PDB file of all heavy atoms in Angstrom:
ATOM      1  N   ILE A   1       7.896   2.421  -4.866  1.00  0.00           N
ATOM      2  CA  ILE A   1       7.468   2.968  -3.580  1.00  0.00           C
ATOM      3  C   ILE A   1       6.768   4.325  -3.723  1.00  0.00           C
ATOM      4  O   ILE A   1       5.714   4.546  -3.107  1.00  0.00           O
ATOM      5  CB  ILE A   1       8.649   3.046  -2.597  1.00  0.00           C
ATOM      6  CG1 ILE A   1       9.000   1.641  -2.096  1.00  0.00           C
ATOM      7  CG2 ILE A   1       8.333   3.963  -1.408  1.00  0.00           C
ATOM      8  CD1 ILE A   1      10.198   1.585  -1.176  1.00  0.00           C
ATOM      9  N   PRO A   2       7.308   5.287  -4.509  1.00  0.00           N
ATOM     10  CA  PRO A   2       6.598   6.579  -4.615  1.00  0.00           C
ATOM     11  C   PRO A   2       5.157   6.426  -5.077  1.00  0.00           C
ATOM     12  O   PRO A   2       4.256   7.098  -4.559  1.00  0.00           O
ATOM     13  CB  PRO A   2       7.440   7.350  -5.632  1.00  0.00           C
ATOM     14  CG  PRO A   2       8.812   6.774  -5.497  1.00  0.00           C
ATOM     15  CD  PRO A   2       8.590   5.317  -5.242  1.00  0.00           C
ATOM     16  N   SER A   3       4.915   5.552  -6.054  1.00  0.00           N
ATOM     17  CA  SER A   3       3.548   5.339  -6.533  1.00  0.00           C
ATOM     18  C   SER A   3       2.715   4.576  -5.512  1.00  0.00           C
ATOM     19  O   SER A   3       1.536   4.885  -5.291  1.00  0.00           O
ATOM     20  CB  SER A   3       3.567   4.560  -7.857  1.00  0.00           C
ATOM     21  OG  SER A   3       4.230   5.295  -8.861  1.00  0.00           O
ATOM     22  N   LEU A   4       3.321   3.581  -4.869  1.00  0.00           N
ATOM     23  CA  LEU A   4       2.589   2.775  -3.900  1.00  0.00           C
ATOM     24  C   LEU A   4       2.168   3.589  -2.679  1.00  0.00           C
ATOM     25  O   LEU A   4       1.124   3.335  -2.078  1.00  0.00           O
ATOM     26  CB  LEU A   4       3.442   1.572  -3.457  1.00  0.00           C
ATOM     27  CG  LEU A   4       3.738   0.527  -4.533  1.00  0.00           C
ATOM     28  CD1 LEU A   4       4.791  -0.455  -4.053  1.00  0.00           C
ATOM     29  CD2 LEU A   4       2.460  -0.221  -4.918  1.00  0.00           C
ATOM     30  N   ARG A   5       2.985   4.589  -2.315  1.00  0.00           N
ATOM     31  CA  ARG A   5       2.688   5.377  -1.109  1.00  0.00           C
ATOM     32  C   ARG A   5       1.764   6.566  -1.383  1.00  0.00           C
ATOM     33  O   ARG A   5       1.332   7.235  -0.450  1.00  0.00           O
ATOM     34  CB  ARG A   5       3.992   5.898  -0.485  1.00  0.00           C
ATOM     35  CG  ARG A   5       4.825   4.832   0.154  1.00  0.00           C
ATOM     36  CD  ARG A   5       5.780   5.377   1.184  1.00  0.00           C
ATOM     37  NE  ARG A   5       6.688   6.395   0.703  1.00  0.00           N
ATOM     38  CZ  ARG A   5       7.823   6.720   1.316  1.00  0.00           C
ATOM     39  NH1 ARG A   5       8.178   6.096   2.445  1.00  0.00           N
ATOM     40  NH2 ARG A   5       8.598   7.653   0.840  1.00  0.00           N
ATOM     41  N   GLU A   6       1.445   6.804  -2.635  1.00  0.00           N
ATOM     42  CA  GLU A   6       0.653   7.983  -2.976  1.00  0.00           C
ATOM     43  C   GLU A   6      -0.741   7.905  -2.352  1.00  0.00           C
ATOM     44  O   GLU A   6      -1.483   6.931  -2.540  1.00  0.00           O
ATOM     45  CB  GLU A   6       0.536   8.109  -4.497  1.00  0.00           C
ATOM     46  CG  GLU A   6      -0.089   9.402  -4.949  1.00  0.00           C
ATOM     47  CD  GLU A   6      -0.031   9.573  -6.456  1.00  0.00           C
ATOM     48  OE1 GLU A   6       0.756   8.854  -7.108  1.00  0.00           O
ATOM     49  OE2 GLU A   6      -0.773  10.418  -6.981  1.00  0.00           O
ATOM     50  N   GLY A   7      -1.097   8.938  -1.592  1.00  0.00           N
ATOM     51  CA  GLY A   7      -2.422   9.015  -0.989  1.00  0.00           C
ATOM     52  C   GLY A   7      -2.664   8.072   0.165  1.00  0.00           C
ATOM     53  O   GLY A   7      -3.807   7.874   0.576  1.00  0.00           O
ATOM     54  N   VAL A   8      -1.600   7.480   0.716  1.00  0.00           N
ATOM     55  CA  VAL A   8      -1.760   6.516   1.811  1.00  0.00           C
ATOM     56  C   VAL A   8      -1.847   7.262   3.144  1.00  0.00           C
ATOM     57  O   VAL A   8      -0.954   8.055   3.473  1.00  0.00           O
ATOM     58  CB  VAL A   8      -0.568   5.530   1.843  1.00  0.00           C
ATOM     59  CG1 VAL A   8      -0.632   4.645   3.084  1.00  0.00           C
ATOM     60  CG2 VAL A   8      -0.565   4.676   0.580  1.00  0.00           C
ATOM     61  N   PRO A   9      -2.912   7.010   3.930  1.00  0.00           N
ATOM     62  CA  PRO A   9      -3.015   7.669   5.244  1.00  0.00           C
ATOM     63  C   PRO A   9      -2.095   7.011   6.264  1.00  0.00           C
ATOM     64  O   PRO A   9      -1.496   5.962   6.002  1.00  0.00           O
ATOM     65  CB  PRO A   9      -4.486   7.451   5.615  1.00  0.00           C
ATOM     66  CG  PRO A   9      -4.845   6.163   4.947  1.00  0.00           C
ATOM     67  CD  PRO A   9      -4.072   6.140   3.653  1.00  0.00           C
ATOM     68  N   GLY A  10      -1.978   7.597   7.426  1.00  0.00           N
ATOM     69  CA  GLY A  10      -1.159   7.030   8.475  1.00  0.00           C
ATOM     70  C   GLY A  10      -1.882   5.909   9.203  1.00  0.00           C
ATOM     71  O   GLY A  10      -3.052   5.618   8.938  1.00  0.00           O
ATOM     72  N   GLY A  11      -1.165   5.265  10.120  1.00  0.00           N
ATOM     73  CA  GLY A  11      -1.766   4.261  10.971  1.00  0.00           C
ATOM     74  C   GLY A  11      -2.004   2.930  10.303  1.00  0.00           C
ATOM     75  O   GLY A  11      -1.551   2.649   9.194  1.00  0.00           O
ATOM     76  N   ALA A  12      -2.792   2.076  11.003  1.00  0.00           N
ATOM     77  CA  ALA A  12      -3.054   0.715  10.539  1.00  0.00           C
ATOM     78  C   ALA A  12      -3.801   0.702   9.215  1.00  0.00           C
ATOM     79  O   ALA A  12      -3.583  -0.178   8.368  1.00  0.00           O
ATOM     80  CB  ALA A  12      -3.840  -0.042  11.609  1.00  0.00           C
ATOM     81  N   GLU A  13      -4.677   1.669   8.990  1.00  0.00           N
ATOM     82  CA  GLU A  13      -5.424   1.738   7.730  1.00  0.00           C
ATOM     83  C   GLU A  13      -4.473   1.920   6.550  1.00  0.00           C
ATOM     84  O   GLU A  13      -4.630   1.280   5.504  1.00  0.00           O
ATOM     85  CB  GLU A  13      -6.422   2.897   7.782  1.00  0.00           C
ATOM     86  CG  GLU A  13      -7.240   3.060   6.509  1.00  0.00           C
ATOM     87  CD  GLU A  13      -8.110   4.303   6.529  1.00  0.00           C
ATOM     88  OE1 GLU A  13      -8.172   4.980   7.583  1.00  0.00           O
ATOM     89  OE2 GLU A  13      -8.719   4.613   5.491  1.00  0.00           O
ATOM     90  N   GLY A  14      -3.465   2.784   6.724  1.00  0.00           N
ATOM     91  CA  GLY A  14      -2.503   2.999   5.654  1.00  0.00           C
ATOM     92  C   GLY A  14      -1.644   1.779   5.408  1.00  0.00           C
ATOM     93  O   GLY A  14      -1.326   1.447   4.252  1.00  0.00           O
ATOM     94  N   THR A  15      -1.253   1.071   6.481  1.00  0.00           N
ATOM     95  CA  THR A  15      -0.446  -0.135   6.318  1.00  0.00           C
ATOM     96  C   THR A  15      -1.212  -1.202   5.558  1.00  0.00           C
ATOM     97  O   THR A  15      -0.662  -1.884   4.680  1.00  0.00           O
ATOM     98  CB  THR A  15      -0.011  -0.682   7.690  1.00  0.00           C
ATOM     99  OG1 THR A  15       0.743   0.319   8.387  1.00  0.00           O
ATOM    100  CG2 THR A  15       0.848  -1.924   7.535  1.00  0.00           C
ATOM    101  N   LEU A  16      -2.492  -1.361   5.869  1.00  0.00           N
ATOM    102  CA  LEU A  16      -3.316  -2.345   5.163  1.00  0.00           C
ATOM    103  C   LEU A  16      -3.441  -1.980   3.684  1.00  0.00           C
ATOM    104  O   LEU A  16      -3.354  -2.852   2.804  1.00  0.00           O
ATOM    105  CB  LEU A  16      -4.698  -2.424   5.807  1.00  0.00           C
ATOM    106  CG  LEU A  16      -5.585  -3.593   5.365  1.00  0.00           C
ATOM    107  CD1 LEU A  16      -4.994  -4.912   5.854  1.00  0.00           C
ATOM    108  CD2 LEU A  16      -6.996  -3.418   5.889  1.00  0.00           C
ATOM    109  N   LEU A  17      -3.598  -0.693   3.387  1.00  0.00           N
ATOM    110  CA  LEU A  17      -3.669  -0.247   1.993  1.00  0.00           C
ATOM    111  C   LEU A  17      -2.359  -0.534   1.273  1.00  0.00           C
ATOM    112  O   LEU A  17      -2.354  -1.016   0.130  1.00  0.00           O
ATOM    113  CB  LEU A  17      -3.989   1.251   1.955  1.00  0.00           C
ATOM    114  CG  LEU A  17      -3.954   1.934   0.578  1.00  0.00           C
ATOM    115  CD1 LEU A  17      -4.904   1.249  -0.398  1.00  0.00           C
ATOM    116  CD2 LEU A  17      -4.298   3.414   0.708  1.00  0.00           C
ATOM    117  N   LEU A  18      -1.231  -0.260   1.920  1.00  0.00           N
ATOM    118  CA  LEU A  18       0.074  -0.538   1.313  1.00  0.00           C
ATOM    119  C   LEU A  18       0.253  -2.029   1.070  1.00  0.00           C
ATOM    120  O   LEU A  18       0.786  -2.437   0.032  1.00  0.00           O
ATOM    121  CB  LEU A  18       1.201  -0.008   2.209  1.00  0.00           C
ATOM    122  CG  LEU A  18       1.537   1.465   2.054  1.00  0.00           C
ATOM    123  CD1 LEU A  18       2.475   1.929   3.168  1.00  0.00           C
ATOM    124  CD2 LEU A  18       2.186   1.727   0.697  1.00  0.00           C
ATOM    125  N   GLN A  19      -0.161  -2.858   2.019  1.00  0.00           N
ATOM    126  CA  GLN A  19      -0.026  -4.297   1.822  1.00  0.00           C
ATOM    127  C   GLN A  19      -0.863  -4.766   0.644  1.00  0.00           C
ATOM    128  O   GLN A  19      -0.411  -5.580  -0.168  1.00  0.00           O
ATOM    129  CB  GLN A  19      -0.415  -5.036   3.107  1.00  0.00           C
ATOM    130  CG  GLN A  19       0.613  -4.887   4.218  1.00  0.00           C
ATOM    131  CD  GLN A  19       0.243  -5.621   5.488  1.00  0.00           C
ATOM    132  OE1 GLN A  19      -0.852  -6.165   5.625  1.00  0.00           O
ATOM    133  NE2 GLN A  19       1.156  -5.642   6.446  1.00  0.00           N
ATOM    134  N   ALA A  20      -2.080  -4.238   0.518  1.00  0.00           N
ATOM    135  CA  ALA A  20      -2.924  -4.622  -0.624  1.00  0.00           C
ATOM    136  C   ALA A  20      -2.261  -4.212  -1.940  1.00  0.00           C
ATOM    137  O   ALA A  20      -2.229  -4.997  -2.902  1.00  0.00           O
ATOM    138  CB  ALA A  20      -4.298  -3.968  -0.488  1.00  0.00           C
ATOM    139  N   ARG A  21      -1.739  -3.003  -2.007  1.00  0.00           N
ATOM    140  CA  ARG A  21      -1.083  -2.545  -3.228  1.00  0.00           C
ATOM    141  C   ARG A  21       0.167  -3.373  -3.524  1.00  0.00           C
ATOM    142  O   ARG A  21       0.414  -3.763  -4.677  1.00  0.00           O
ATOM    143  CB  ARG A  21      -0.714  -1.071  -3.093  1.00  0.00           C
ATOM    144  CG  ARG A  21      -1.919  -0.130  -3.144  1.00  0.00           C
ATOM    145  CD  ARG A  21      -1.493   1.327  -2.968  1.00  0.00           C
ATOM    146  NE  ARG A  21      -2.621   2.248  -3.131  1.00  0.00           N
ATOM    147  CZ  ARG A  21      -2.522   3.575  -3.023  1.00  0.00           C
ATOM    148  NH1 ARG A  21      -1.339   4.137  -2.735  1.00  0.00           N
ATOM    149  NH2 ARG A  21      -3.586   4.345  -3.199  1.00  0.00           N
ATOM    150  N   CYS A  22       0.968  -3.632  -2.495  1.00  0.00           N
ATOM    151  CA  CYS A  22       2.213  -4.381  -2.698  1.00  0.00           C
ATOM    152  C   CYS A  22       1.939  -5.804  -3.169  1.00  0.00           C
ATOM    153  O   CYS A  22       2.544  -6.283  -4.134  1.00  0.00           O
ATOM    154  CB  CYS A  22       3.033  -4.403  -1.411  1.00  0.00           C
ATOM    155  SG  CYS A  22       3.821  -2.841  -0.982  1.00  0.00           S
ATOM    156  N   PHE A  23       1.030  -6.501  -2.486  1.00  0.00           N
ATOM    157  CA  PHE A  23       0.723  -7.873  -2.889  1.00  0.00           C
ATOM    158  C   PHE A  23       0.065  -7.907  -4.264  1.00  0.00           C
ATOM    159  O   PHE A  23       0.325  -8.816  -5.060  1.00  0.00           O
ATOM    160  CB  PHE A  23      -0.197  -8.535  -1.853  1.00  0.00           C
ATOM    161  CG  PHE A  23       0.491  -8.904  -0.573  1.00  0.00           C
ATOM    162  CD1 PHE A  23       0.023  -8.454   0.652  1.00  0.00           C
ATOM    163  CD2 PHE A  23       1.623  -9.707  -0.581  1.00  0.00           C
ATOM    164  CE1 PHE A  23       0.645  -8.798   1.835  1.00  0.00           C
ATOM    165  CE2 PHE A  23       2.269 -10.061   0.594  1.00  0.00           C
ATOM    166  CZ  PHE A  23       1.780  -9.598   1.810  1.00  0.00           C
ATOM    167  N   GLY A  24      -0.782  -6.931  -4.559  1.00  0.00           N
ATOM    168  CA  GLY A  24      -1.430  -6.894  -5.865  1.00  0.00           C
ATOM    169  C   GLY A  24      -0.438  -6.651  -6.986  1.00  0.00           C
ATOM    170  O   GLY A  24      -0.436  -7.359  -7.996  1.00  0.00           O
ATOM    171  N   VAL A  25       0.434  -5.661  -6.812  1.00  0.00           N
ATOM    172  CA  VAL A  25       1.449  -5.356  -7.823  1.00  0.00           C
ATOM    173  C   VAL A  25       2.430  -6.513  -7.970  1.00  0.00           C
ATOM    174  O   VAL A  25       2.884  -6.827  -9.078  1.00  0.00           O
ATOM    175  CB  VAL A  25       2.190  -4.048  -7.451  1.00  0.00           C
ATOM    176  CG1 VAL A  25       3.469  -3.905  -8.262  1.00  0.00           C
ATOM    177  CG2 VAL A  25       1.284  -2.851  -7.672  1.00  0.00           C
ATOM    178  N   ALA A  26       2.756  -7.179  -6.856  1.00  0.00           N
ATOM    179  CA  ALA A  26       3.695  -8.303  -6.908  1.00  0.00           C
ATOM    180  C   ALA A  26       3.085  -9.535  -7.555  1.00  0.00           C
ATOM    181  O   ALA A  26       3.807 -10.464  -7.931  1.00  0.00           O
ATOM    182  CB  ALA A  26       4.163  -8.647  -5.495  1.00  0.00           C
ATOM    183  N   GLY A  27       1.767  -9.565  -7.705  1.00  0.00           N
ATOM    184  CA  GLY A  27       1.110 -10.733  -8.278  1.00  0.00           C
ATOM    185  C   GLY A  27       1.066 -11.906  -7.320  1.00  0.00           C
ATOM    186  O   GLY A  27       1.012 -13.060  -7.748  1.00  0.00           O
ATOM    187  N   LEU A  28       1.107 -11.626  -6.007  1.00  0.00           N
ATOM    188  CA  LEU A  28       1.190 -12.696  -5.016  1.00  0.00           C
ATOM    189  C   LEU A  28      -0.062 -12.835  -4.157  1.00  0.00           C
ATOM    190  O   LEU A  28      -0.027 -13.487  -3.113  1.00  0.00           O
ATOM    191  CB  LEU A  28       2.407 -12.471  -4.104  1.00  0.00           C
ATOM    192  CG  LEU A  28       3.769 -12.674  -4.759  1.00  0.00           C
ATOM    193  CD1 LEU A  28       4.884 -12.420  -3.765  1.00  0.00           C
ATOM    194  CD2 LEU A  28       3.891 -14.084  -5.325  1.00  0.00           C
TER     195      LEU A  28
END
């Protein structure tokens, strides 16, 4: 989580960025 949240802005844009990072790192 600390690495995934680094540099993430607030709002819907940040959530979309987090989802991309999470799904990418998860290999899913």
